PDB file of N, CA and C in Angstrom:
ATOM      1  N   UNK A   1     -52.886 -44.463  25.184  1.00  0.00           N
ATOM      2  CA  UNK A   1     -52.431 -43.955  26.315  1.00  0.00           C
ATOM      3  C   UNK A   1     -53.731 -43.275  27.060  1.00  0.00           C
ATOM      4  N   UNK A   2     -53.501 -43.175  28.355  1.00  0.00           N
ATOM      5  CA  UNK A   2     -54.647 -42.979  29.245  1.00  0.00           C
ATOM      6  C   UNK A   2     -54.399 -41.357  29.600  1.00  0.00           C
ATOM      7  N   UNK A   3     -55.321 -40.867  30.162  1.00  0.00           N
ATOM      8  CA  UNK A   3     -55.430 -39.422  30.637  1.00  0.00           C
ATOM      9  C   UNK A   3     -54.167 -39.015  31.566  1.00  0.00           C
ATOM     10  N   UNK A   4     -54.120 -40.185  32.495  1.00  0.00           N
ATOM     11  CA  UNK A   4     -52.946 -39.945  33.553  1.00  0.00           C
ATOM     12  C   UNK A   4     -51.595 -39.866  32.875  1.00  0.00           C
ATOM     13  N   UNK A   5     -51.531 -40.614  31.934  1.00  0.00           N
ATOM     14  CA  UNK A   5     -49.820 -40.519  31.292  1.00  0.00           C
ATOM     15  C   UNK A   5     -49.858 -39.272  30.649  1.00  0.00           C
ATOM     16  N   UNK A   6     -50.950 -38.864  29.896  1.00  0.00           N
ATOM     17  CA  UNK A   6     -50.980 -37.585  29.205  1.00  0.00           C
ATOM     18  C   UNK A   6     -50.587 -36.390  30.222  1.00  0.00           C
ATOM     19  N   UNK A   7     -51.198 -36.442  31.353  1.00  0.00           N
ATOM     20  CA  UNK A   7     -50.914 -35.353  32.507  1.00  0.00           C
ATOM     21  C   UNK A   7     -49.655 -35.314  32.712  1.00  0.00           C
ATOM     22  N   UNK A   8     -49.017 -36.636  33.155  1.00  0.00           N
ATOM     23  CA  UNK A   8     -47.671 -36.765  33.597  1.00  0.00           C
ATOM     24  C   UNK A   8     -46.738 -36.098  32.513  1.00  0.00           C
ATOM     25  N   UNK A   9     -47.002 -36.486  31.355  1.00  0.00           N
ATOM     26  CA  UNK A   9     -45.960 -36.035  30.111  1.00  0.00           C
ATOM     27  C   UNK A   9     -46.214 -34.522  30.122  1.00  0.00           C
ATOM     28  N   UNK A  10     -47.345 -33.940  30.123  1.00  0.00           N
ATOM     29  CA  UNK A  10     -47.334 -32.568  29.984  1.00  0.00           C
ATOM     30  C   UNK A  10     -46.815 -31.827  31.167  1.00  0.00           C
ATOM     31  N   UNK A  11     -46.983 -32.313  32.420  1.00  0.00           N
ATOM     32  CA  UNK A  11     -46.526 -31.693  33.606  1.00  0.00           C
ATOM     33  C   UNK A  11     -44.958 -31.779  33.648  1.00  0.00           C
ATOM     34  N   UNK A  12     -44.309 -32.990  33.143  1.00  0.00           N
ATOM     35  CA  UNK A  12     -42.840 -33.140  32.888  1.00  0.00           C
ATOM     36  C   UNK A  12     -42.275 -32.026  31.782  1.00  0.00           C
ATOM     37  N   UNK A  13     -43.135 -31.910  30.866  1.00  0.00           N
ATOM     38  CA  UNK A  13     -42.638 -30.977  29.819  1.00  0.00           C
ATOM     39  C   UNK A  13     -42.682 -29.614  30.286  1.00  0.00           C
ATOM     40  N   UNK A  14     -43.574 -29.262  31.115  1.00  0.00           N
ATOM     41  CA  UNK A  14     -43.658 -27.825  31.606  1.00  0.00           C
ATOM     42  C   UNK A  14     -42.442 -27.653  32.700  1.00  0.00           C
ATOM     43  N   UNK A  15     -42.161 -28.723  33.410  1.00  0.00           N
ATOM     44  CA  UNK A  15     -41.009 -28.604  34.208  1.00  0.00           C
ATOM     45  C   UNK A  15     -39.734 -28.429  33.517  1.00  0.00           C
ATOM     46  N   UNK A  16     -39.568 -29.176  32.284  1.00  0.00           N
ATOM     47  CA  UNK A  16     -38.269 -29.012  31.545  1.00  0.00           C
ATOM     48  C   UNK A  16     -38.132 -27.804  30.876  1.00  0.00           C
ATOM     49  N   UNK A  17     -39.378 -27.217  30.305  1.00  0.00           N
ATOM     50  CA  UNK A  17     -39.332 -25.740  29.763  1.00  0.00           C
ATOM     51  C   UNK A  17     -39.102 -24.649  30.753  1.00  0.00           C
ATOM     52  N   UNK A  18     -39.468 -25.029  31.946  1.00  0.00           N
ATOM     53  CA  UNK A  18     -39.168 -23.972  33.133  1.00  0.00           C
ATOM     54  C   UNK A  18     -37.634 -24.032  33.496  1.00  0.00           C
ATOM     55  N   UNK A  19     -37.267 -25.286  33.654  1.00  0.00           N
ATOM     56  CA  UNK A  19     -35.711 -25.311  33.927  1.00  0.00           C
ATOM     57  C   UNK A  19     -35.018 -24.725  32.837  1.00  0.00           C
ATOM     58  N   UNK A  20     -35.441 -24.926  31.613  1.00  0.00           N
ATOM     59  CA  UNK A  20     -34.507 -24.312  30.369  1.00  0.00           C
ATOM     60  C   UNK A  20     -34.643 -22.821  30.318  1.00  0.00           C
ATOM     61  N   UNK A  21     -35.831 -22.208  30.785  1.00  0.00           N
ATOM     62  CA  UNK A  21     -35.892 -20.892  30.515  1.00  0.00           C
ATOM     63  C   UNK A  21     -35.274 -20.310  31.865  1.00  0.00           C
ATOM     64  N   UNK A  22     -35.016 -20.875  32.929  1.00  0.00           N
ATOM     65  CA  UNK A  22     -34.365 -20.286  34.189  1.00  0.00           C
ATOM     66  C   UNK A  22     -32.845 -20.512  33.714  1.00  0.00           C
ATOM     67  N   UNK A  23     -32.508 -21.384  33.222  1.00  0.00           N
ATOM     68  CA  UNK A  23     -31.024 -21.596  32.949  1.00  0.00           C
ATOM     69  C   UNK A  23     -30.444 -20.760  31.749  1.00  0.00           C
ATOM     70  N   UNK A  24     -31.286 -20.479  30.933  1.00  0.00           N
ATOM     71  CA  UNK A  24     -30.804 -19.562  29.615  1.00  0.00           C
ATOM     72  C   UNK A  24     -29.687 -20.500  29.014  1.00  0.00           C
ATOM     73  N   UNK A  25     -29.892 -21.635  28.667  1.00  0.00           N
ATOM     74  CA  UNK A  25     -28.790 -22.388  28.137  1.00  0.00           C
ATOM     75  C   UNK A  25     -28.937 -22.024  26.473  1.00  0.00           C
ATOM     76  N   UNK A  26     -27.949 -21.538  25.947  1.00  0.00           N
ATOM     77  CA  UNK A  26     -27.939 -21.270  24.596  1.00  0.00           C
ATOM     78  C   UNK A  26     -28.166 -22.697  23.627  1.00  0.00           C
ATOM     79  N   UNK A  27     -28.878 -22.793  22.731  1.00  0.00           N
ATOM     80  CA  UNK A  27     -29.208 -23.764  22.008  1.00  0.00           C
ATOM     81  C   UNK A  27     -27.996 -24.456  21.066  1.00  0.00           C
ATOM     82  N   UNK A  28     -27.188 -23.506  20.848  1.00  0.00           N
ATOM     83  CA  UNK A  28     -26.008 -24.098  20.113  1.00  0.00           C
ATOM     84  C   UNK A  28     -24.796 -24.069  20.940  1.00  0.00           C
ATOM     85  N   UNK A  29     -24.776 -24.660  22.071  1.00  0.00           N
ATOM     86  CA  UNK A  29     -23.654 -24.510  22.933  1.00  0.00           C
ATOM     87  C   UNK A  29     -22.468 -25.229  22.380  1.00  0.00           C
ATOM     88  N   UNK A  30     -22.560 -26.028  21.632  1.00  0.00           N
ATOM     89  CA  UNK A  30     -21.347 -26.817  20.962  1.00  0.00           C
ATOM     90  C   UNK A  30     -20.956 -26.082  19.918  1.00  0.00           C
ATOM     91  N   UNK A  31     -19.492 -26.001  19.833  1.00  0.00           N
ATOM     92  CA  UNK A  31     -18.952 -25.223  18.619  1.00  0.00           C
ATOM     93  C   UNK A  31     -19.103 -26.324  17.310  1.00  0.00           C
ATOM     94  N   UNK A  32     -19.464 -25.506  16.419  1.00  0.00           N
ATOM     95  CA  UNK A  32     -19.507 -26.235  14.998  1.00  0.00           C
ATOM     96  C   UNK A  32     -18.340 -26.822  14.670  1.00  0.00           C
ATOM     97  N   UNK A  33     -18.389 -28.206  14.314  1.00  0.00           N
ATOM     98  CA  UNK A  33     -16.981 -28.635  13.798  1.00  0.00           C
ATOM     99  C   UNK A  33     -16.571 -28.072  12.353  1.00  0.00           C
ATOM    100  N   UNK A  34     -15.211 -27.956  12.349  1.00  0.00           N
ATOM    101  CA  UNK A  34     -14.889 -27.377  11.007  1.00  0.00           C
ATOM    102  C   UNK A  34     -14.439 -28.469   9.969  1.00  0.00           C
ATOM    103  N   UNK A  35     -14.578 -27.998   8.762  1.00  0.00           N
ATOM    104  CA  UNK A  35     -14.235 -29.011   7.840  1.00  0.00           C
ATOM    105  C   UNK A  35     -12.676 -29.211   7.964  1.00  0.00           C
ATOM    106  N   UNK A  36     -12.318 -30.441   7.590  1.00  0.00           N
ATOM    107  CA  UNK A  36     -10.745 -30.756   7.580  1.00  0.00           C
ATOM    108  C   UNK A  36      -9.889 -30.113   6.790  1.00  0.00           C
ATOM    109  N   UNK A  37     -10.363 -29.781   5.742  1.00  0.00           N
ATOM    110  CA  UNK A  37      -9.548 -28.647   4.583  1.00  0.00           C
ATOM    111  C   UNK A  37      -9.400 -27.263   5.207  1.00  0.00           C
ATOM    112  N   UNK A  38     -10.492 -26.848   5.939  1.00  0.00           N
ATOM    113  CA  UNK A  38     -10.221 -25.579   6.699  1.00  0.00           C
ATOM    114  C   UNK A  38      -9.247 -25.672   7.875  1.00  0.00           C
ATOM    115  N   UNK A  39      -9.263 -26.796   8.432  1.00  0.00           N
ATOM    116  CA  UNK A  39      -8.356 -26.854   9.634  1.00  0.00           C
ATOM    117  C   UNK A  39      -6.892 -27.091   9.002  1.00  0.00           C
ATOM    118  N   UNK A  40      -6.738 -27.777   7.934  1.00  0.00           N
ATOM    119  CA  UNK A  40      -5.330 -27.767   7.292  1.00  0.00           C
ATOM    120  C   UNK A  40      -5.057 -26.415   7.008  1.00  0.00           C
ATOM    121  N   UNK A  41      -5.804 -25.700   6.232  1.00  0.00           N
ATOM    122  CA  UNK A  41      -5.653 -24.405   5.778  1.00  0.00           C
ATOM    123  C   UNK A  41      -5.321 -23.498   6.704  1.00  0.00           C
ATOM    124  N   UNK A  42      -5.843 -23.533   7.923  1.00  0.00           N
ATOM    125  CA  UNK A  42      -5.591 -22.694   9.126  1.00  0.00           C
ATOM    126  C   UNK A  42      -4.128 -22.962   9.705  1.00  0.00           C
ATOM    127  N   UNK A  43      -3.859 -24.254   9.625  1.00  0.00           N
ATOM    128  CA  UNK A  43      -2.456 -24.492  10.210  1.00  0.00           C
ATOM    129  C   UNK A  43      -1.514 -24.015   9.187  1.00  0.00           C
ATOM    130  N   UNK A  44      -1.628 -24.257   7.874  1.00  0.00           N
ATOM    131  CA  UNK A  44      -0.681 -23.426   7.057  1.00  0.00           C
ATOM    132  C   UNK A  44      -0.639 -22.106   7.137  1.00  0.00           C
ATOM    133  N   UNK A  45      -1.818 -21.352   7.456  1.00  0.00           N
ATOM    134  CA  UNK A  45      -1.621 -19.858   7.497  1.00  0.00           C
ATOM    135  C   UNK A  45      -0.960 -19.563   8.984  1.00  0.00           C
ATOM    136  N   UNK A  46      -1.315 -20.383   9.995  1.00  0.00           N
ATOM    137  CA  UNK A  46      -0.401 -20.080  11.089  1.00  0.00           C
ATOM    138  C   UNK A  46       1.214 -20.174  10.949  1.00  0.00           C
ATOM    139  N   UNK A  47       1.424 -21.251  10.275  1.00  0.00           N
ATOM    140  CA  UNK A  47       2.904 -21.699   9.941  1.00  0.00           C
ATOM    141  C   UNK A  47       3.567 -20.381   9.166  1.00  0.00           C
ATOM    142  N   UNK A  48       2.878 -19.991   8.111  1.00  0.00           N
ATOM    143  CA  UNK A  48       3.126 -18.918   7.300  1.00  0.00           C
ATOM    144  C   UNK A  48       3.256 -17.766   7.883  1.00  0.00           C
ATOM    145  N   UNK A  49       2.385 -17.332   8.856  1.00  0.00           N
ATOM    146  CA  UNK A  49       2.508 -16.006   9.756  1.00  0.00           C
ATOM    147  C   UNK A  49       3.773 -16.161  10.648  1.00  0.00           C
ATOM    148  N   UNK A  50       3.947 -17.308  11.173  1.00  0.00           N
ATOM    149  CA  UNK A  50       5.062 -17.493  12.121  1.00  0.00           C
ATOM    150  C   UNK A  50       6.402 -17.261  11.249  1.00  0.00           C
ATOM    151  N   UNK A  51       6.470 -17.622  10.090  1.00  0.00           N
ATOM    152  CA  UNK A  51       7.591 -17.531   9.333  1.00  0.00           C
ATOM    153  C   UNK A  51       7.762 -15.923   8.895  1.00  0.00           C
ATOM    154  N   UNK A  52       6.537 -15.452   8.435  1.00  0.00           N
ATOM    155  CA  UNK A  52       6.604 -13.990   8.135  1.00  0.00           C
ATOM    156  C   UNK A  52       7.001 -13.078   9.419  1.00  0.00           C
ATOM    157  N   UNK A  53       6.455 -13.371  10.606  1.00  0.00           N
ATOM    158  CA  UNK A  53       6.932 -12.694  11.810  1.00  0.00           C
ATOM    159  C   UNK A  53       8.544 -12.797  12.013  1.00  0.00           C
ATOM    160  N   UNK A  54       8.936 -14.098  11.826  1.00  0.00           N
ATOM    161  CA  UNK A  54      10.412 -14.444  12.089  1.00  0.00           C
ATOM    162  C   UNK A  54      11.103 -13.618  11.044  1.00  0.00           C
ATOM    163  N   UNK A  55      10.941 -13.499   9.871  1.00  0.00           N
ATOM    164  CA  UNK A  55      11.540 -12.882   8.889  1.00  0.00           C
ATOM    165  C   UNK A  55      11.603 -11.297   9.062  1.00  0.00           C
ATOM    166  N   UNK A  56      10.432 -10.674   9.402  1.00  0.00           N
ATOM    167  CA  UNK A  56      10.288  -9.408   9.695  1.00  0.00           C
ATOM    168  C   UNK A  56      11.312  -8.969  10.650  1.00  0.00           C
ATOM    169  N   UNK A  57      11.067  -9.759  11.868  1.00  0.00           N
ATOM    170  CA  UNK A  57      11.975  -9.585  13.106  1.00  0.00           C
ATOM    171  C   UNK A  57      13.409  -9.554  12.660  1.00  0.00           C
ATOM    172  N   UNK A  58      13.875 -10.581  11.916  1.00  0.00           N
ATOM    173  CA  UNK A  58      15.193 -10.533  11.349  1.00  0.00           C
ATOM    174  C   UNK A  58      15.674  -9.356  10.651  1.00  0.00           C
ATOM    175  N   UNK A  59      14.526  -8.971   9.512  1.00  0.00           N
ATOM    176  CA  UNK A  59      15.191  -7.870   8.741  1.00  0.00           C
ATOM    177  C   UNK A  59      15.155  -6.388   9.772  1.00  0.00           C
ATOM    178  N   UNK A  60      14.414  -6.225  10.594  1.00  0.00           N
ATOM    179  CA  UNK A  60      14.301  -5.276  11.680  1.00  0.00           C
ATOM    180  C   UNK A  60      15.579  -5.221  12.530  1.00  0.00           C
ATOM    181  N   UNK A  61      15.921  -6.378  12.979  1.00  0.00           N
ATOM    182  CA  UNK A  61      17.319  -6.536  13.737  1.00  0.00           C
ATOM    183  C   UNK A  61      18.372  -6.081  12.870  1.00  0.00           C
ATOM    184  N   UNK A  62      18.580  -6.613  11.651  1.00  0.00           N
ATOM    185  CA  UNK A  62      19.595  -6.351  10.700  1.00  0.00           C
ATOM    186  C   UNK A  62      19.719  -4.923  10.386  1.00  0.00           C
ATOM    187  N   UNK A  63      18.489  -4.346  10.351  1.00  0.00           N
ATOM    188  CA  UNK A  63      18.496  -2.780   9.879  1.00  0.00           C
ATOM    189  C   UNK A  63      18.938  -2.088  11.275  1.00  0.00           C
ATOM    190  N   UNK A  64      18.484  -2.495  12.377  1.00  0.00           N
ATOM    191  CA  UNK A  64      18.983  -1.822  13.754  1.00  0.00           C
ATOM    192  C   UNK A  64      20.402  -1.960  13.777  1.00  0.00           C
ATOM    193  N   UNK A  65      20.936  -3.088  13.626  1.00  0.00           N
ATOM    194  CA  UNK A  65      22.294  -3.534  13.875  1.00  0.00           C
ATOM    195  C   UNK A  65      23.118  -2.638  12.699  1.00  0.00           C
ATOM    196  N   UNK A  66      22.882  -2.460  11.592  1.00  0.00           N
ATOM    197  CA  UNK A  66      23.550  -1.723  10.507  1.00  0.00           C
ATOM    198  C   UNK A  66      23.648  -0.254  10.863  1.00  0.00           C
ATOM    199  N   UNK A  67      22.339   0.436  11.380  1.00  0.00           N
ATOM    200  CA  UNK A  67      22.302   1.537  11.818  1.00  0.00           C
ATOM    201  C   UNK A  67      23.254   1.989  13.075  1.00  0.00           C
ATOM    202  N   UNK A  68      23.237   1.009  14.036  1.00  0.00           N
ATOM    203  CA  UNK A  68      24.259   1.072  15.098  1.00  0.00           C
ATOM    204  C   UNK A  68      25.715   1.375  14.690  1.00  0.00           C
ATOM    205  N   UNK A  69      26.034   0.270  13.788  1.00  0.00           N
ATOM    206  CA  UNK A  69      27.356   0.432  13.299  1.00  0.00           C
ATOM    207  C   UNK A  69      27.733   1.513  12.433  1.00  0.00           C
ATOM    208  N   UNK A  70      26.630   1.898  11.898  1.00  0.00           N
ATOM    209  CA  UNK A  70      26.947   3.335  11.072  1.00  0.00           C
ATOM    210  C   UNK A  70      27.266   4.477  11.884  1.00  0.00           C
ATOM    211  N   UNK A  71      26.396   4.576  12.829  1.00  0.00           N
ATOM    212  CA  UNK A  71      26.600   5.731  13.678  1.00  0.00           C
ATOM    213  C   UNK A  71      27.783   5.624  14.641  1.00  0.00           C
ATOM    214  N   UNK A  72      28.142   4.510  14.965  1.00  0.00           N
ATOM    215  CA  UNK A  72      29.574   4.248  15.592  1.00  0.00           C
ATOM    216  C   UNK A  72      30.589   4.551  14.835  1.00  0.00           C
ATOM    217  N   UNK A  73      30.434   4.193  13.688  1.00  0.00           N
ATOM    218  CA  UNK A  73      31.729   4.512  12.670  1.00  0.00           C
ATOM    219  C   UNK A  73      31.730   6.044  12.533  1.00  0.00           C
ATOM    220  N   UNK A  74      30.563   6.775  12.354  1.00  0.00           N
ATOM    221  CA  UNK A  74      30.576   8.070  12.177  1.00  0.00           C
ATOM    222  C   UNK A  74      31.116   8.956  13.320  1.00  0.00           C
ATOM    223  N   UNK A  75      30.869   8.440  14.603  1.00  0.00           N
ATOM    224  CA  UNK A  75      31.424   8.904  15.916  1.00  0.00           C
ATOM    225  C   UNK A  75      32.894   8.759  15.906  1.00  0.00           C
ATOM    226  N   UNK A  76      33.375   7.482  15.530  1.00  0.00           N
ATOM    227  CA  UNK A  76      34.786   7.263  15.587  1.00  0.00           C
ATOM    228  C   UNK A  76      35.588   8.281  14.623  1.00  0.00           C
ATOM    229  N   UNK A  77      34.883   8.384  13.271  1.00  0.00           N
ATOM    230  CA  UNK A  77      35.381   9.326  12.408  1.00  0.00           C
ATOM    231  C   UNK A  77      35.487  10.727  13.041  1.00  0.00           C
ATOM    232  N   UNK A  78      34.483  11.201  13.787  1.00  0.00           N
ATOM    233  CA  UNK A  78      34.564  12.517  14.086  1.00  0.00           C
ATOM    234  C   UNK A  78      35.669  12.709  15.372  1.00  0.00           C
ATOM    235  N   UNK A  79      35.712  11.609  16.059  1.00  0.00           N
ATOM    236  CA  UNK A  79      36.804  11.601  17.096  1.00  0.00           C
ATOM    237  C   UNK A  79      38.214  11.777  16.450  1.00  0.00           C
ATOM    238  N   UNK A  80      38.454  10.873  15.502  1.00  0.00           N
ATOM    239  CA  UNK A  80      39.779  10.824  14.759  1.00  0.00           C
ATOM    240  C   UNK A  80      39.955  12.264  14.195  1.00  0.00           C
ATOM    241  N   UNK A  81      38.750  12.746  13.396  1.00  0.00           N
ATOM    242  CA  UNK A  81      39.129  14.211  12.987  1.00  0.00           C
ATOM    243  C   UNK A  81      39.441  15.247  14.035  1.00  0.00           C
ATOM    244  N   UNK A  82      38.817  15.152  15.138  1.00  0.00           N
ATOM    245  CA  UNK A  82      39.173  16.141  16.149  1.00  0.00           C
ATOM    246  C   UNK A  82      40.547  15.957  16.714  1.00  0.00           C
ATOM    247  N   UNK A  83      40.775  14.696  16.858  1.00  0.00           N
ATOM    248  CA  UNK A  83      42.363  14.313  17.243  1.00  0.00           C
ATOM    249  C   UNK A  83      43.482  14.911  16.326  1.00  0.00           C
ATOM    250  N   UNK A  84      43.208  14.808  15.026  1.00  0.00           N
ATOM    251  CA  UNK A  84      44.015  15.195  14.111  1.00  0.00           C
ATOM    252  C   UNK A  84      43.946  16.870  13.920  1.00  0.00           C
ATOM    253  N   UNK A  85      42.874  17.402  14.117  1.00  0.00           N
ATOM    254  CA  UNK A  85      42.778  18.785  14.143  1.00  0.00           C
ATOM    255  C   UNK A  85      43.328  19.581  15.322  1.00  0.00           C
ATOM    256  N   UNK A  86      43.356  18.672  16.573  1.00  0.00           N
ATOM    257  CA  UNK A  86      43.980  19.065  17.913  1.00  0.00           C
ATOM    258  C   UNK A  86      45.457  19.028  17.742  1.00  0.00           C
ATOM    259  N   UNK A  87      45.894  17.917  17.173  1.00  0.00           N
ATOM    260  CA  UNK A  87      47.404  17.751  16.963  1.00  0.00           C
ATOM    261  C   UNK A  87      47.817  18.901  16.060  1.00  0.00           C
ATOM    262  N   UNK A  88      47.157  19.085  14.766  1.00  0.00           N
ATOM    263  CA  UNK A  88      47.560  20.077  14.006  1.00  0.00           C
ATOM    264  C   UNK A  88      47.737  21.428  14.586  1.00  0.00           C
ATOM    265  N   UNK A  89      46.593  21.682  15.501  1.00  0.00           N
ATOM    266  CA  UNK A  89      46.507  22.985  16.013  1.00  0.00           C
ATOM    267  C   UNK A  89      47.915  23.293  16.975  1.00  0.00           C
ATOM    268  N   UNK A  90      48.057  22.254  17.718  1.00  0.00           N
ATOM    269  CA  UNK A  90      49.292  22.398  18.653  1.00  0.00           C
ATOM    270  C   UNK A  90      50.397  22.332  17.926  1.00  0.00           C
ATOM    271  N   UNK A  91      50.795  21.690  16.871  1.00  0.00           N
ATOM    272  CA  UNK A  91      51.925  21.723  16.055  1.00  0.00           C
ATOM    273  C   UNK A  91      52.180  23.159  15.307  1.00  0.00           C
ATOM    274  N   UNK A  92      51.173  23.629  14.646  1.00  0.00           N
ATOM    275  CA  UNK A  92      51.266  24.851  13.930  1.00  0.00           C
ATOM    276  C   UNK A  92      50.942  26.201  14.576  1.00  0.00           C
ATOM    277  N   UNK A  93      50.029  26.270  15.287  1.00  0.00           N
ATOM    278  CA  UNK A  93      49.573  27.536  15.904  1.00  0.00           C
ATOM    279  C   UNK A  93      50.205  27.645  17.303  1.00  0.00           C
ATOM    280  N   UNK A  94      50.311  26.574  18.254  1.00  0.00           N
ATOM    281  CA  UNK A  94      50.963  26.877  19.498  1.00  0.00           C
ATOM    282  C   UNK A  94      52.367  27.054  19.448  1.00  0.00           C
ATOM    283  N   UNK A  95      52.962  26.354  18.338  1.00  0.00           N
ATOM    284  CA  UNK A  95      54.303  26.507  18.281  1.00  0.00           C
ATOM    285  C   UNK A  95      54.962  28.131  17.999  1.00  0.00           C
ATOM    286  N   UNK A  96      54.216  28.732  17.217  1.00  0.00           N
ATOM    287  CA  UNK A  96      54.370  30.176  16.886  1.00  0.00           C
ATOM    288  C   UNK A  96      54.343  30.901  18.192  1.00  0.00           C
ATOM    289  N   UNK A  97      53.644  30.684  19.148  1.00  0.00           N
ATOM    290  CA  UNK A  97      53.351  31.356  20.414  1.00  0.00           C
ATOM    291  C   UNK A  97      54.658  30.909  21.232  1.00  0.00           C
ATOM    292  N   UNK A  98      55.251  29.814  21.118  1.00  0.00           N
ATOM    293  CA  UNK A  98      56.372  29.419  22.008  1.00  0.00           C
ATOM    294  C   UNK A  98      57.637  30.269  21.514  1.00  0.00           C
ATOM    295  N   UNK A  99      57.872  30.517  20.302  1.00  0.00           N
ATOM    296  CA  UNK A  99      59.004  31.319  19.865  1.00  0.00           C
ATOM    297  C   UNK A  99      59.143  32.611  20.567  1.00  0.00           C
TER     298      UNK A  99
END
């Protein structure tokens, strides 16, 4: 190679280095490929996580439903007890006042 070619190569090398320093391109811009076993494992974990989330949501839903049914049945029991108490009061205590 002659001196002229070396000068051109050095000049071009400096230009490329200047462009790279201006652009701040990260050296590892490409994501590293993951091994196939890891990809398969992550898919299985995602599927298991979805199943676990669905099961947990189901358990919480059943628990909330049973709690609501329990509270409603307690309220109905109180209403029935109050009604029976009211009828008993009217039959036994108000009747004495009417005589």
